[in-house]
PDB file of N, CA and C in Angstrom:
ATOM      1  N   MET A   1    -118.542 -90.576  49.791  1.00  0.00           N
ATOM      2  CA  MET A   1    -117.339 -89.913  50.268  1.00  0.00           C
ATOM      3  C   MET A   1    -116.239 -90.053  49.217  1.00  0.00           C
ATOM      4  N   LEU A   2    -115.547 -88.953  48.976  1.00  0.00           N
ATOM      5  CA  LEU A   2    -114.490 -88.939  47.981  1.00  0.00           C
ATOM      6  C   LEU A   2    -113.193 -89.477  48.570  1.00  0.00           C
ATOM      7  N   GLY A   3    -112.397 -90.106  47.727  1.00  0.00           N
ATOM      8  CA  GLY A   3    -111.097 -90.569  48.158  1.00  0.00           C
ATOM      9  C   GLY A   3    -110.097 -89.427  48.172  1.00  0.00           C
ATOM     10  N   ILE A   4    -108.965 -89.647  48.839  1.00  0.00           N
ATOM     11  CA  ILE A   4    -107.964 -88.597  48.966  1.00  0.00           C
ATOM     12  C   ILE A   4    -107.378 -88.217  47.605  1.00  0.00           C
ATOM     13  N   GLY A   5    -107.241 -89.171  46.710  1.00  0.00           N
ATOM     14  CA  GLY A   5    -106.735 -88.875  45.374  1.00  0.00           C
ATOM     15  C   GLY A   5    -107.662 -87.954  44.607  1.00  0.00           C
ATOM     16  N   THR A   6    -108.955 -88.195  44.730  1.00  0.00           N
ATOM     17  CA  THR A   6    -109.953 -87.343  44.078  1.00  0.00           C
ATOM     18  C   THR A   6    -109.934 -85.944  44.679  1.00  0.00           C
ATOM     19  N   GLU A   7    -109.795 -85.862  45.998  1.00  0.00           N
ATOM     20  CA  GLU A   7    -109.744 -84.562  46.659  1.00  0.00           C
ATOM     21  C   GLU A   7    -108.505 -83.772  46.245  1.00  0.00           C
ATOM     22  N   VAL A   8    -107.396 -84.438  46.076  1.00  0.00           N
ATOM     23  CA  VAL A   8    -106.171 -83.763  45.626  1.00  0.00           C
ATOM     24  C   VAL A   8    -106.364 -83.217  44.212  1.00  0.00           C
ATOM     25  N   MET A   9    -106.970 -83.995  43.332  1.00  0.00           N
ATOM     26  CA  MET A   9    -107.211 -83.524  41.972  1.00  0.00           C
ATOM     27  C   MET A   9    -108.170 -82.331  41.974  1.00  0.00           C
ATOM     28  N   ILE A  10    -109.197 -82.377  42.804  1.00  0.00           N
ATOM     29  CA  ILE A  10    -110.125 -81.259  42.904  1.00  0.00           C
ATOM     30  C   ILE A  10    -109.391 -80.025  43.421  1.00  0.00           C
ATOM     31  N   PHE A  11    -108.512 -80.211  44.402  1.00  0.00           N
ATOM     32  CA  PHE A  11    -107.715 -79.114  44.944  1.00  0.00           C
ATOM     33  C   PHE A  11    -106.845 -78.490  43.849  1.00  0.00           C
ATOM     34  N   LEU A  12    -106.225 -79.321  43.014  1.00  0.00           N
ATOM     35  CA  LEU A  12    -105.384 -78.809  41.930  1.00  0.00           C
ATOM     36  C   LEU A  12    -106.218 -78.075  40.869  1.00  0.00           C
ATOM     37  N   TYR A  13    -107.387 -78.610  40.543  1.00  0.00           N
ATOM     38  CA  TYR A  13    -108.276 -77.918  39.608  1.00  0.00           C
ATOM     39  C   TYR A  13    -108.732 -76.582  40.197  1.00  0.00           C
ATOM     40  N   ALA A  14    -108.990 -76.561  41.489  1.00  0.00           N
ATOM     41  CA  ALA A  14    -109.391 -75.316  42.135  1.00  0.00           C
ATOM     42  C   ALA A  14    -108.242 -74.315  42.108  1.00  0.00           C
ATOM     43  N   GLY A  15    -107.017 -74.783  42.324  1.00  0.00           N
ATOM     44  CA  GLY A  15    -105.858 -73.899  42.227  1.00  0.00           C
ATOM     45  C   GLY A  15    -105.725 -73.316  40.840  1.00  0.00           C
ATOM     46  N   LEU A  16    -105.931 -74.134  39.832  1.00  0.00           N
ATOM     47  CA  LEU A  16    -105.895 -73.655  38.451  1.00  0.00           C
ATOM     48  C   LEU A  16    -107.008 -72.628  38.200  1.00  0.00           C
ATOM     49  N   THR A  17    -108.160 -72.849  38.797  1.00  0.00           N
ATOM     50  CA  THR A  17    -109.258 -71.895  38.685  1.00  0.00           C
ATOM     51  C   THR A  17    -108.860 -70.553  39.288  1.00  0.00           C
ATOM     52  N   GLY A  18    -108.219 -70.582  40.453  1.00  0.00           N
ATOM     53  CA  GLY A  18    -107.751 -69.347  41.083  1.00  0.00           C
ATOM     54  C   GLY A  18    -106.718 -68.628  40.238  1.00  0.00           C
ATOM     55  N   ILE A  19    -105.833 -69.381  39.608  1.00  0.00           N
ATOM     56  CA  ILE A  19    -104.816 -68.783  38.734  1.00  0.00           C
ATOM     57  C   ILE A  19    -105.478 -68.120  37.532  1.00  0.00           C
ATOM     58  N   VAL A  20    -106.462 -68.781  36.947  1.00  0.00           N
ATOM     59  CA  VAL A  20    -107.166 -68.217  35.785  1.00  0.00           C
ATOM     60  C   VAL A  20    -107.884 -66.924  36.166  1.00  0.00           C
ATOM     61  N   VAL A  21    -108.526 -66.908  37.322  1.00  0.00           N
ATOM     62  CA  VAL A  21    -109.233 -65.708  37.768  1.00  0.00           C
ATOM     63  C   VAL A  21    -108.236 -64.567  38.002  1.00  0.00           C
ATOM     64  N   PHE A  22    -107.122 -64.864  38.661  1.00  0.00           N
ATOM     65  CA  PHE A  22    -106.117 -63.842  38.914  1.00  0.00           C
ATOM     66  C   PHE A  22    -105.567 -63.275  37.605  1.00  0.00           C
ATOM     67  N   CYS A  23    -105.216 -64.144  36.682  1.00  0.00           N
ATOM     68  CA  CYS A  23    -104.668 -63.691  35.397  1.00  0.00           C
ATOM     69  C   CYS A  23    -105.696 -62.888  34.608  1.00  0.00           C
ATOM     70  N   GLY A  24    -106.941 -63.295  34.667  1.00  0.00           N
ATOM     71  CA  GLY A  24    -107.989 -62.548  33.983  1.00  0.00           C
ATOM     72  C   GLY A  24    -108.128 -61.137  34.528  1.00  0.00           C
ATOM     73  N   TYR A  25    -108.042 -60.993  35.839  1.00  0.00           N
ATOM     74  CA  TYR A  25    -108.148 -59.657  36.428  1.00  0.00           C
ATOM     75  C   TYR A  25    -106.920 -58.817  36.097  1.00  0.00           C
ATOM     76  N   GLN A  26    -105.750 -59.449  36.033  1.00  0.00           N
ATOM     77  CA  GLN A  26    -104.545 -58.708  35.654  1.00  0.00           C
ATOM     78  C   GLN A  26    -104.643 -58.205  34.214  1.00  0.00           C
ATOM     79  N   ILE A  27    -105.228 -58.985  33.347  1.00  0.00           N
ATOM     80  CA  ILE A  27    -105.438 -58.553  31.964  1.00  0.00           C
ATOM     81  C   ILE A  27    -106.398 -57.359  31.934  1.00  0.00           C
ATOM     82  N   LEU A  28    -107.445 -57.408  32.749  1.00  0.00           N
ATOM     83  CA  LEU A  28    -108.379 -56.289  32.831  1.00  0.00           C
ATOM     84  C   LEU A  28    -107.673 -55.040  33.351  1.00  0.00           C
ATOM     85  N   ARG A  29    -106.810 -55.178  34.351  1.00  0.00           N
ATOM     86  CA  ARG A  29    -106.048 -54.044  34.874  1.00  0.00           C
ATOM     87  C   ARG A  29    -105.109 -53.474  33.813  1.00  0.00           C
ATOM     88  N   LEU A  30    -104.470 -54.352  33.045  1.00  0.00           N
ATOM     89  CA  LEU A  30    -103.582 -53.899  31.979  1.00  0.00           C
ATOM     90  C   LEU A  30    -104.361 -53.115  30.932  1.00  0.00           C
ATOM     91  N   PHE A  31    -105.533 -53.610  30.567  1.00  0.00           N
ATOM     92  CA  PHE A  31    -106.401 -52.922  29.611  1.00  0.00           C
ATOM     93  C   PHE A  31    -106.761 -51.532  30.115  1.00  0.00           C
ATOM     94  N   ARG A  32    -107.016 -51.407  31.422  1.00  0.00           N
ATOM     95  CA  ARG A  32    -107.359 -50.112  32.005  1.00  0.00           C
ATOM     96  C   ARG A  32    -106.175 -49.149  31.980  1.00  0.00           C
ATOM     97  N   ARG A  33    -104.971 -49.679  32.110  1.00  0.00           N
ATOM     98  CA  ARG A  33    -103.794 -48.808  32.047  1.00  0.00           C
ATOM     99  C   ARG A  33    -103.527 -48.340  30.619  1.00  0.00           C
ATOM    100  N   LEU A  34    -103.810 -49.181  29.653  1.00  0.00           N
ATOM    101  CA  LEU A  34    -103.573 -48.809  28.263  1.00  0.00           C
ATOM    102  C   LEU A  34    -104.593 -47.789  27.771  1.00  0.00           C
ATOM    103  N   ILE A  35    -105.835 -47.950  28.170  1.00  0.00           N
ATOM    104  CA  ILE A  35    -106.922 -47.048  27.749  1.00  0.00           C
ATOM    105  C   ILE A  35    -107.586 -46.494  29.000  1.00  0.00           C
ATOM    106  N   ARG A  36    -107.534 -45.193  29.167  1.00  0.00           N
ATOM    107  CA  ARG A  36    -108.140 -44.547  30.335  1.00  0.00           C
ATOM    108  C   ARG A  36    -109.657 -44.728  30.294  1.00  0.00           C
ATOM    109  N   HIS A  37    -110.233 -45.002  31.477  1.00  0.00           N
ATOM    110  CA  HIS A  37    -111.666 -45.231  31.586  1.00  0.00           C
ATOM    111  C   HIS A  37    -112.271 -44.268  32.607  1.00  0.00           C
ATOM    112  N   HIS A  38    -113.525 -43.980  32.414  1.00  0.00           N
ATOM    113  CA  HIS A  38    -114.295 -43.234  33.405  1.00  0.00           C
ATOM    114  C   HIS A  38    -114.653 -44.191  34.544  1.00  0.00           C
ATOM    115  N   TYR A  39    -114.870 -43.630  35.729  1.00  0.00           N
ATOM    116  CA  TYR A  39    -115.160 -44.472  36.889  1.00  0.00           C
ATOM    117  C   TYR A  39    -116.424 -45.314  36.721  1.00  0.00           C
ATOM    118  N   LEU A  40    -117.410 -44.792  36.034  1.00  0.00           N
ATOM    119  CA  LEU A  40    -118.628 -45.572  35.803  1.00  0.00           C
ATOM    120  C   LEU A  40    -118.348 -46.778  34.901  1.00  0.00           C
ATOM    121  N   VAL A  41    -117.488 -46.588  33.915  1.00  0.00           N
ATOM    122  CA  VAL A  41    -117.126 -47.690  33.017  1.00  0.00           C
ATOM    123  C   VAL A  41    -116.318 -48.739  33.785  1.00  0.00           C
ATOM    124  N   ILE A  42    -115.429 -48.269  34.664  1.00  0.00           N
ATOM    125  CA  ILE A  42    -114.645 -49.204  35.482  1.00  0.00           C
ATOM    126  C   ILE A  42    -115.568 -50.023  36.371  1.00  0.00           C
ATOM    127  N   GLY A  43    -116.563 -49.372  36.957  1.00  0.00           N
ATOM    128  CA  GLY A  43    -117.543 -50.086  37.787  1.00  0.00           C
ATOM    129  C   GLY A  43    -118.317 -51.123  36.994  1.00  0.00           C
ATOM    130  N   ALA A  44    -118.717 -50.749  35.777  1.00  0.00           N
ATOM    131  CA  ALA A  44    -119.447 -51.689  34.923  1.00  0.00           C
ATOM    132  C   ALA A  44    -118.552 -52.855  34.509  1.00  0.00           C
ATOM    133  N   GLU A  45    -117.287 -52.558  34.181  1.00  0.00           N
ATOM    134  CA  GLU A  45    -116.340 -53.624  33.829  1.00  0.00           C
ATOM    135  C   GLU A  45    -116.149 -54.586  34.994  1.00  0.00           C
ATOM    136  N   ASP A  46    -115.963 -54.031  36.198  1.00  0.00           N
ATOM    137  CA  ASP A  46    -115.793 -54.881  37.374  1.00  0.00           C
ATOM    138  C   ASP A  46    -117.017 -55.748  37.616  1.00  0.00           C
ATOM    139  N   PHE A  47    -118.195 -55.141  37.506  1.00  0.00           N
ATOM    140  CA  PHE A  47    -119.423 -55.904  37.711  1.00  0.00           C
ATOM    141  C   PHE A  47    -119.524 -57.064  36.730  1.00  0.00           C
ATOM    142  N   LEU A  48    -119.274 -56.773  35.458  1.00  0.00           N
ATOM    143  CA  LEU A  48    -119.350 -57.829  34.439  1.00  0.00           C
ATOM    144  C   LEU A  48    -118.252 -58.882  34.640  1.00  0.00           C
ATOM    145  N   PHE A  49    -117.057 -58.425  35.032  1.00  0.00           N
ATOM    146  CA  PHE A  49    -115.969 -59.380  35.282  1.00  0.00           C
ATOM    147  C   PHE A  49    -116.335 -60.335  36.409  1.00  0.00           C
ATOM    148  N   TRP A  50    -116.783 -59.796  37.534  1.00  0.00           N
ATOM    149  CA  TRP A  50    -117.095 -60.650  38.676  1.00  0.00           C
ATOM    150  C   TRP A  50    -118.340 -61.493  38.436  1.00  0.00           C
ATOM    151  N   LEU A  51    -119.240 -61.017  37.617  1.00  0.00           N
ATOM    152  CA  LEU A  51    -120.383 -61.835  37.223  1.00  0.00           C
ATOM    153  C   LEU A  51    -119.902 -63.034  36.402  1.00  0.00           C
ATOM    154  N   GLY A  52    -118.992 -62.775  35.467  1.00  0.00           N
ATOM    155  CA  GLY A  52    -118.404 -63.853  34.673  1.00  0.00           C
ATOM    156  C   GLY A  52    -117.572 -64.802  35.512  1.00  0.00           C
ATOM    157  N   VAL A  53    -116.801 -64.255  36.467  1.00  0.00           N
ATOM    158  CA  VAL A  53    -115.978 -65.090  37.342  1.00  0.00           C
ATOM    159  C   VAL A  53    -116.856 -65.985  38.205  1.00  0.00           C
ATOM    160  N   SER A  54    -117.942 -65.439  38.718  1.00  0.00           N
ATOM    161  CA  SER A  54    -118.815 -66.268  39.551  1.00  0.00           C
ATOM    162  C   SER A  54    -119.413 -67.417  38.740  1.00  0.00           C
ATOM    163  N   ALA A  55    -119.783 -67.147  37.487  1.00  0.00           N
ATOM    164  CA  ALA A  55    -120.303 -68.219  36.625  1.00  0.00           C
ATOM    165  C   ALA A  55    -119.212 -69.245  36.330  1.00  0.00           C
ATOM    166  N   TYR A  56    -117.994 -68.767  36.069  1.00  0.00           N
ATOM    167  CA  TYR A  56    -116.871 -69.671  35.792  1.00  0.00           C
ATOM    168  C   TYR A  56    -116.538 -70.541  37.004  1.00  0.00           C
ATOM    169  N   VAL A  57    -116.478 -69.936  38.193  1.00  0.00           N
ATOM    170  CA  VAL A  57    -116.164 -70.699  39.407  1.00  0.00           C
ATOM    171  C   VAL A  57    -117.280 -71.690  39.710  1.00  0.00           C
ATOM    172  N   PHE A  58    -118.530 -71.269  39.529  1.00  0.00           N
ATOM    173  CA  PHE A  58    -119.642 -72.193  39.744  1.00  0.00           C
ATOM    174  C   PHE A  58    -119.560 -73.379  38.789  1.00  0.00           C
ATOM    175  N   ARG A  59    -119.234 -73.088  37.530  1.00  0.00           N
ATOM    176  CA  ARG A  59    -119.115 -74.165  36.534  1.00  0.00           C
ATOM    177  C   ARG A  59    -117.999 -75.136  36.916  1.00  0.00           C
ATOM    178  N   GLN A  60    -116.850 -74.591  37.334  1.00  0.00           N
ATOM    179  CA  GLN A  60    -115.735 -75.443  37.734  1.00  0.00           C
ATOM    180  C   GLN A  60    -116.111 -76.271  38.971  1.00  0.00           C
ATOM    181  N   MET A  61    -116.783 -75.628  39.904  1.00  0.00           N
ATOM    182  CA  MET A  61    -117.184 -76.333  41.116  1.00  0.00           C
ATOM    183  C   MET A  61    -118.225 -77.406  40.792  1.00  0.00           C
ATOM    184  N   TYR A  62    -119.113 -77.106  39.878  1.00  0.00           N
ATOM    185  CA  TYR A  62    -120.146 -78.068  39.502  1.00  0.00           C
ATOM    186  C   TYR A  62    -119.531 -79.301  38.845  1.00  0.00           C
ATOM    187  N   TYR A  63    -118.560 -79.082  37.955  1.00  0.00           N
ATOM    188  CA  TYR A  63    -117.959 -80.212  37.252  1.00  0.00           C
ATOM    189  C   TYR A  63    -116.987 -81.006  38.114  1.00  0.00           C
ATOM    190  N   THR A  64    -116.350 -80.364  39.077  1.00  0.00           N
ATOM    191  CA  THR A  64    -115.373 -81.104  39.887  1.00  0.00           C
ATOM    192  C   THR A  64    -115.986 -81.704  41.144  1.00  0.00           C
ATOM    193  N   THR A  65    -116.876 -80.972  41.808  1.00  0.00           N
ATOM    194  CA  THR A  65    -117.453 -81.479  43.061  1.00  0.00           C
ATOM    195  C   THR A  65    -118.953 -81.711  42.955  1.00  0.00           C
ATOM    196  N   TYR A  66    -119.466 -81.714  41.737  1.00  0.00           N
ATOM    197  CA  TYR A  66    -120.888 -81.942  41.482  1.00  0.00           C
ATOM    198  C   TYR A  66    -121.780 -80.929  42.190  1.00  0.00           C
ATOM    199  N   GLY A  67    -121.293 -79.692  42.279  1.00  0.00           N
ATOM    200  CA  GLY A  67    -122.091 -78.598  42.800  1.00  0.00           C
ATOM    201  C   GLY A  67    -122.010 -78.383  44.292  1.00  0.00           C
ATOM    202  N   SER A  68    -121.368 -79.263  45.031  1.00  0.00           N
ATOM    203  CA  SER A  68    -121.275 -79.060  46.465  1.00  0.00           C
ATOM    204  C   SER A  68    -120.036 -78.228  46.792  1.00  0.00           C
ATOM    205  N   ILE A  69    -120.198 -77.349  47.756  1.00  0.00           N
ATOM    206  CA  ILE A  69    -119.079 -76.492  48.156  1.00  0.00           C
ATOM    207  C   ILE A  69    -118.218 -77.279  49.139  1.00  0.00           C
ATOM    208  N   ARG A  70    -116.983 -77.496  48.773  1.00  0.00           N
ATOM    209  CA  ARG A  70    -116.041 -78.225  49.617  1.00  0.00           C
ATOM    210  C   ARG A  70    -114.952 -77.269  50.046  1.00  0.00           C
ATOM    211  N   TRP A  71    -114.498 -77.396  51.270  1.00  0.00           N
ATOM    212  CA  TRP A  71    -113.504 -76.474  51.805  1.00  0.00           C
ATOM    213  C   TRP A  71    -112.212 -76.518  51.019  1.00  0.00           C
ATOM    214  N   PHE A  72    -111.830 -77.682  50.505  1.00  0.00           N
ATOM    215  CA  PHE A  72    -110.564 -77.756  49.782  1.00  0.00           C
ATOM    216  C   PHE A  72    -110.668 -77.110  48.407  1.00  0.00           C
ATOM    217  N   PHE A  73    -111.878 -76.995  47.856  1.00  0.00           N
ATOM    218  CA  PHE A  73    -112.045 -76.246  46.600  1.00  0.00           C
ATOM    219  C   PHE A  73    -111.856 -74.755  46.858  1.00  0.00           C
ATOM    220  N   VAL A  74    -112.469 -74.265  47.914  1.00  0.00           N
ATOM    221  CA  VAL A  74    -112.333 -72.853  48.263  1.00  0.00           C
ATOM    222  C   VAL A  74    -110.879 -72.534  48.599  1.00  0.00           C
ATOM    223  N   LEU A  75    -110.256 -73.382  49.396  1.00  0.00           N
ATOM    224  CA  LEU A  75    -108.854 -73.190  49.775  1.00  0.00           C
ATOM    225  C   LEU A  75    -107.936 -73.288  48.556  1.00  0.00           C
ATOM    226  N   GLY A  76    -108.207 -74.213  47.677  1.00  0.00           N
ATOM    227  CA  GLY A  76    -107.407 -74.358  46.460  1.00  0.00           C
ATOM    228  C   GLY A  76    -107.533 -73.151  45.550  1.00  0.00           C
ATOM    229  N   GLY A  77    -108.733 -72.625  45.395  1.00  0.00           N
ATOM    230  CA  GLY A  77    -108.927 -71.436  44.568  1.00  0.00           C
ATOM    231  C   GLY A  77    -108.207 -70.228  45.133  1.00  0.00           C
ATOM    232  N   ALA A  78    -108.334 -70.034  46.442  1.00  0.00           N
ATOM    233  CA  ALA A  78    -107.642 -68.909  47.077  1.00  0.00           C
ATOM    234  C   ALA A  78    -106.128 -69.117  47.029  1.00  0.00           C
ATOM    235  N   GLY A  79    -105.691 -70.352  47.236  1.00  0.00           N
ATOM    236  CA  GLY A  79    -104.255 -70.648  47.178  1.00  0.00           C
ATOM    237  C   GLY A  79    -103.688 -70.455  45.782  1.00  0.00           C
ATOM    238  N   GLY A  80    -104.428 -70.841  44.775  1.00  0.00           N
ATOM    239  CA  GLY A  80    -103.990 -70.647  43.394  1.00  0.00           C
ATOM    240  C   GLY A  80    -103.867 -69.178  43.046  1.00  0.00           C
ATOM    241  N   ALA A  81    -104.851 -68.375  43.470  1.00  0.00           N
ATOM    242  CA  ALA A  81    -104.792 -66.939  43.212  1.00  0.00           C
ATOM    243  C   ALA A  81    -103.639 -66.302  43.972  1.00  0.00           C
ATOM    244  N   ALA A  82    -103.421 -66.736  45.218  1.00  0.00           N
ATOM    245  CA  ALA A  82    -102.310 -66.197  46.009  1.00  0.00           C
ATOM    246  C   ALA A  82    -100.967 -66.589  45.401  1.00  0.00           C
ATOM    247  N   ALA A  83    -100.839 -67.821  44.937  1.00  0.00           N
ATOM    248  CA  ALA A  83     -99.594 -68.261  44.310  1.00  0.00           C
ATOM    249  C   ALA A  83     -99.326 -67.489  43.029  1.00  0.00           C
ATOM    250  N   ALA A  84    -100.357 -67.259  42.234  1.00  0.00           N
ATOM    251  CA  ALA A  84    -100.192 -66.472  41.007  1.00  0.00           C
ATOM    252  C   ALA A  84     -99.816 -65.035  41.347  1.00  0.00           C
ATOM    253  N   GLY A  85    -100.420 -64.476  42.385  1.00  0.00           N
ATOM    254  CA  GLY A  85    -100.082 -63.121  42.813  1.00  0.00           C
ATOM    255  C   GLY A  85     -98.650 -63.018  43.289  1.00  0.00           C
ATOM    256  N   PHE A  86     -98.196 -64.014  44.031  1.00  0.00           N
ATOM    257  CA  PHE A  86     -96.815 -64.032  44.508  1.00  0.00           C
ATOM    258  C   PHE A  86     -95.849 -64.146  43.342  1.00  0.00           C
ATOM    259  N   LEU A  87     -96.140 -65.015  42.396  1.00  0.00           N
ATOM    260  CA  LEU A  87     -95.288 -65.171  41.213  1.00  0.00           C
ATOM    261  C   LEU A  87     -95.267 -63.880  40.390  1.00  0.00           C
ATOM    262  N   PHE A  88     -96.399 -63.228  40.268  1.00  0.00           N
ATOM    263  CA  PHE A  88     -96.485 -61.950  39.566  1.00  0.00           C
ATOM    264  C   PHE A  88     -95.632 -60.899  40.268  1.00  0.00           C
ATOM    265  N   PHE A  89     -95.704 -60.850  41.597  1.00  0.00           N
ATOM    266  CA  PHE A  89     -94.933 -59.894  42.390  1.00  0.00           C
ATOM    267  C   PHE A  89     -93.432 -60.127  42.220  1.00  0.00           C
ATOM    268  N   ILE A  90     -93.003 -61.368  42.311  1.00  0.00           N
ATOM    269  CA  ILE A  90     -91.583 -61.708  42.163  1.00  0.00           C
ATOM    270  C   ILE A  90     -91.097 -61.373  40.757  1.00  0.00           C
ATOM    271  N   THR A  91     -91.894 -61.686  39.754  1.00  0.00           N
ATOM    272  CA  THR A  91     -91.521 -61.391  38.365  1.00  0.00           C
ATOM    273  C   THR A  91     -91.394 -59.887  38.151  1.00  0.00           C
ATOM    274  N   LYS A  92     -92.311 -59.124  38.717  1.00  0.00           N
ATOM    275  CA  LYS A  92     -92.271 -57.672  38.584  1.00  0.00           C
ATOM    276  C   LYS A  92     -91.023 -57.104  39.248  1.00  0.00           C
ATOM    277  N   LYS A  93     -90.691 -57.575  40.439  1.00  0.00           N
ATOM    278  CA  LYS A  93     -89.491 -57.100  41.139  1.00  0.00           C
ATOM    279  C   LYS A  93     -88.226 -57.462  40.365  1.00  0.00           C
ATOM    280  N   LEU A  94     -88.177 -58.668  39.828  1.00  0.00           N
ATOM    281  CA  LEU A  94     -87.018 -59.096  39.053  1.00  0.00           C
ATOM    282  C   LEU A  94     -86.873 -58.239  37.794  1.00  0.00           C
ATOM    283  N   TYR A  95     -87.973 -57.952  37.132  1.00  0.00           N
ATOM    284  CA  TYR A  95     -87.956 -57.094  35.945  1.00  0.00           C
ATOM    285  C   TYR A  95     -87.421 -55.707  36.290  1.00  0.00           C
ATOM    286  N   GLU A  96     -87.903 -55.141  37.394  1.00  0.00           N
ATOM    287  CA  GLU A  96     -87.454 -53.809  37.801  1.00  0.00           C
ATOM    288  C   GLU A  96     -85.965 -53.804  38.131  1.00  0.00           C
ATOM    289  N   LYS A  97     -85.475 -54.854  38.768  1.00  0.00           N
ATOM    290  CA  LYS A  97     -84.060 -54.939  39.123  1.00  0.00           C
ATOM    291  C   LYS A  97     -83.191 -55.050  37.867  1.00  0.00           C
ATOM    292  N   ILE A  98     -83.606 -55.882  36.933  1.00  0.00           N
ATOM    293  CA  ILE A  98     -82.853 -56.034  35.682  1.00  0.00           C
ATOM    294  C   ILE A  98     -82.867 -54.723  34.900  1.00  0.00           C
ATOM    295  N   LYS A  99     -84.010 -54.061  34.842  1.00  0.00           N
ATOM    296  CA  LYS A  99     -84.122 -52.789  34.139  1.00  0.00           C
ATOM    297  C   LYS A  99     -83.214 -51.734  34.763  1.00  0.00           C
ATOM    298  N   LYS A 100     -83.182 -51.690  36.091  1.00  0.00           N
ATOM    299  CA  LYS A 100     -82.333 -50.731  36.798  1.00  0.00           C
ATOM    300  C   LYS A 100     -80.858 -51.004  36.517  1.00  0.00           C
ATOM    301  N   ASN A 101     -80.456 -52.271  36.536  1.00  0.00           N
ATOM    302  CA  ASN A 101     -79.066 -52.621  36.248  1.00  0.00           C
ATOM    303  C   ASN A 101     -78.683 -52.279  34.815  1.00  0.00           C
ATOM    304  N   LEU A 102     -79.588 -52.497  33.869  1.00  0.00           N
ATOM    305  CA  LEU A 102     -79.307 -52.153  32.477  1.00  0.00           C
ATOM    306  C   LEU A 102     -79.180 -50.640  32.291  1.00  0.00           C
ATOM    307  N   GLU A 103     -80.004 -49.878  32.989  1.00  0.00           N
ATOM    308  CA  GLU A 103     -79.919 -48.428  32.904  1.00  0.00           C
ATOM    309  C   GLU A 103     -78.627 -47.905  33.510  1.00  0.00           C
ATOM    310  N   LYS A 104     -78.157 -48.519  34.598  1.00  0.00           N
ATOM    311  CA  LYS A 104     -76.877 -48.155  35.207  1.00  0.00           C
ATOM    312  C   LYS A 104     -75.738 -48.430  34.229  1.00  0.00           C
ATOM    313  N   GLY A 105     -75.779 -49.590  33.584  1.00  0.00           N
ATOM    314  CA  GLY A 105     -74.748 -49.950  32.624  1.00  0.00           C
ATOM    315  C   GLY A 105     -74.726 -49.020  31.429  1.00  0.00           C
ATOM    316  N   ARG A 106     -75.863 -48.543  31.028  1.00  0.00           N
ATOM    317  CA  ARG A 106     -75.967 -47.633  29.884  1.00  0.00           C
ATOM    318  C   ARG A 106     -75.396 -46.256  30.252  1.00  0.00           C
ATOM    319  N   LYS A 107     -75.587 -45.822  31.502  1.00  0.00           N
ATOM    320  CA  LYS A 107     -75.083 -44.514  31.927  1.00  0.00           C
ATOM    321  C   LYS A 107     -73.556 -44.519  32.068  1.00  0.00           C
ATOM    322  N   LYS A 108     -72.940 -45.662  32.389  1.00  0.00           N
ATOM    323  CA  LYS A 108     -71.503 -45.745  32.575  1.00  0.00           C
ATOM    324  C   LYS A 108     -70.754 -45.591  31.248  1.00  0.00           C
ATOM    325  N   ARG A 109     -71.372 -45.868  30.158  1.00  0.00           N
ATOM    326  CA  ARG A 109     -70.701 -45.807  28.848  1.00  0.00           C
ATOM    327  C   ARG A 109     -70.465 -44.423  28.417  1.00  0.00           C
TER     328      ARG A 109
END
C-alpha cells in the first residue's frame, strides 16, 4: 500500500501528464490552422497522435504506479488537462480583450 505522500506525488505527475497531452493537442491544432489539411490526413494525424498519447500515458503510469491503474492517476490526468484548458481559455479571452482595447485606442487617434 502506498503512503499518502507517494499518492500526492503520483497525482501531481499525472496532472503534469494531462497538461503535456493537452498542450500537445493544441500544438497539433495550431499546425492544422497554419497548413490546411484534407480530412483523411486529419484522421491519420489524430490516430497517430492518440496512439502516441496512449503510449506516453502508459509509460508515465508504468513508471509512477508500476503499471497499475489507480483512480488518482486518472483523476490527476483529467484534472491537469482541464486546468490547462481553463488556463488556455482565460489567456485567450484576456488576449482578445487587450487586442480589442488596443484597436479602440488606435481608432480614437
